[in-house]
Amino acid sequence: MNPIDVMAVAYMNRTDEERKLLRLRHELTQLSIHTELRDNNTALLVHRPGGRGLPLWVFVGYGGAYFSWQYAEKRHPVNDAEGAAKVLAEYVSR
């Protein structure tokens, strides 16, 4: 693959990850969880309710198949953004 093709594929994958993070952000907002897209839309910063504790970083990992957090020890399939939002909301609310 030539360098231009490599860059095009990387851009398409990044755009796909952005869409997945935006969908997750929308679902978390519906659950009243404050989030911010960070690092050129490659990560989602999830704030804990009431500002207690450190926020949580969420990434799209494992080849674009999972949302991952907590040093990639926790993950949820990206095709279930609503379920991922519920799991994350519970996780940050502890």
Protein backbone atom coordinates (compact mmCIF):
# COMPACT_ATOMS: atom_id res chain seq x y z
CA MET A 1 0.00 0.00 0.00
CA ASN A 2 1.41 3.39 -0.88
CA PRO A 3 1.71 6.14 1.77
CA ILE A 4 -1.36 8.00 0.51
CA ASP A 5 -3.49 4.85 0.82
CA VAL A 6 -2.16 4.25 4.33
CA MET A 7 -3.09 7.80 5.34
CA ALA A 8 -6.57 7.43 3.80
CA VAL A 9 -7.25 4.19 5.68
CA ALA A 10 -5.98 5.74 8.93
CA TYR A 11 -8.28 8.75 8.40
CA MET A 12 -11.31 6.53 7.71
CA ASN A 13 -10.60 4.48 10.85
CA ARG A 14 -10.21 7.66 12.91
CA THR A 15 -13.48 9.04 11.58
CA ASP A 16 -15.21 5.77 12.46
CA GLU A 17 -13.78 5.94 16.01
CA GLU A 18 -14.98 9.55 16.30
CA ARG A 19 -18.51 8.53 15.31
CA LYS A 20 -18.48 5.75 17.90
CA LEU A 21 -17.26 8.12 20.63
CA LEU A 22 -19.85 10.72 19.63
CA ARG A 23 -22.60 8.09 19.88
CA LEU A 24 -21.35 7.05 23.32
CA ARG A 25 -21.16 10.69 24.39
CA HIS A 26 -24.78 11.19 23.31
CA GLU A 27 -25.91 8.16 25.31
CA LEU A 28 -23.99 9.30 28.41
CA THR A 29 -25.49 12.78 28.11
CA GLN A 30 -28.95 11.18 28.12
CA LEU A 31 -27.96 9.66 31.49
CA SER A 32 -26.83 13.09 32.81
CA ILE A 33 -23.14 12.13 32.75
CA HIS A 34 -20.86 15.03 31.77
CA THR A 35 -18.30 14.16 29.07
CA GLU A 36 -15.77 15.91 26.86
CA LEU A 37 -14.21 14.81 23.59
CA ARG A 38 -10.45 15.19 23.89
CA ASP A 39 -7.22 14.63 21.98
CA ASN A 40 -8.52 15.36 18.48
CA ASN A 41 -11.67 13.34 19.15
CA THR A 42 -9.73 10.15 19.88
CA ALA A 43 -10.76 9.92 23.53
CA LEU A 44 -13.78 10.68 25.68
CA LEU A 45 -13.25 12.14 29.13
CA VAL A 46 -16.08 10.99 31.42
CA HIS A 47 -16.54 13.04 34.59
CA ARG A 48 -17.73 11.47 37.81
CA PRO A 49 -21.03 12.86 39.14
CA GLY A 50 -20.58 15.64 41.67
CA GLY A 51 -16.97 16.18 40.60
CA ARG A 52 -15.73 13.61 43.08
CA GLY A 53 -12.72 11.56 42.07
CA LEU A 54 -10.74 11.59 38.88
CA PRO A 55 -12.45 11.50 35.49
CA LEU A 56 -12.27 8.41 33.34
CA TRP A 57 -10.73 8.16 29.86
CA VAL A 58 -12.60 6.06 27.31
CA PHE A 59 -11.07 5.01 23.99
CA VAL A 60 -12.11 2.91 21.02
CA GLY A 61 -9.74 -0.03 21.02
CA TYR A 62 -9.26 -3.63 20.01
CA GLY A 63 -9.35 -2.81 16.31
CA GLY A 64 -12.38 -0.56 16.69
CA ALA A 65 -14.52 -3.28 18.27
CA TYR A 66 -14.71 -2.08 21.89
CA PHE A 67 -14.96 0.99 24.05
CA SER A 68 -12.23 0.51 26.64
CA TRP A 69 -11.35 2.18 29.95
CA GLN A 70 -9.51 1.50 33.20
CA TYR A 71 -6.20 0.66 31.48
CA ALA A 72 -8.18 -1.41 28.93
CA GLU A 73 -9.19 -3.82 31.71
CA LYS A 74 -12.83 -2.83 31.18
CA ARG A 75 -14.49 -2.87 27.78
CA HIS A 76 -17.86 -2.98 26.05
CA PRO A 77 -18.73 -3.62 22.37
CA VAL A 78 -19.04 -0.43 20.29
CA ASN A 79 -22.16 -1.74 18.57
CA ASP A 80 -23.99 -1.32 21.90
CA ALA A 81 -23.40 2.34 22.79
CA GLU A 82 -26.52 2.47 24.95
CA GLY A 83 -25.38 -0.53 26.99
CA ALA A 84 -21.85 0.86 27.23
CA ALA A 85 -23.23 4.16 28.52
CA LYS A 86 -25.21 2.36 31.22
CA VAL A 87 -22.16 0.36 32.30
CA LEU A 88 -19.99 3.49 32.33
CA ALA A 89 -22.58 5.53 34.20
CA GLU A 90 -22.73 2.86 36.90
CA TYR A 91 -18.92 2.61 36.97
CA VAL A 92 -18.32 6.35 37.46
CA SER A 93 -21.14 6.65 39.98
CA ARG A 94 -19.58 4.26 42.49
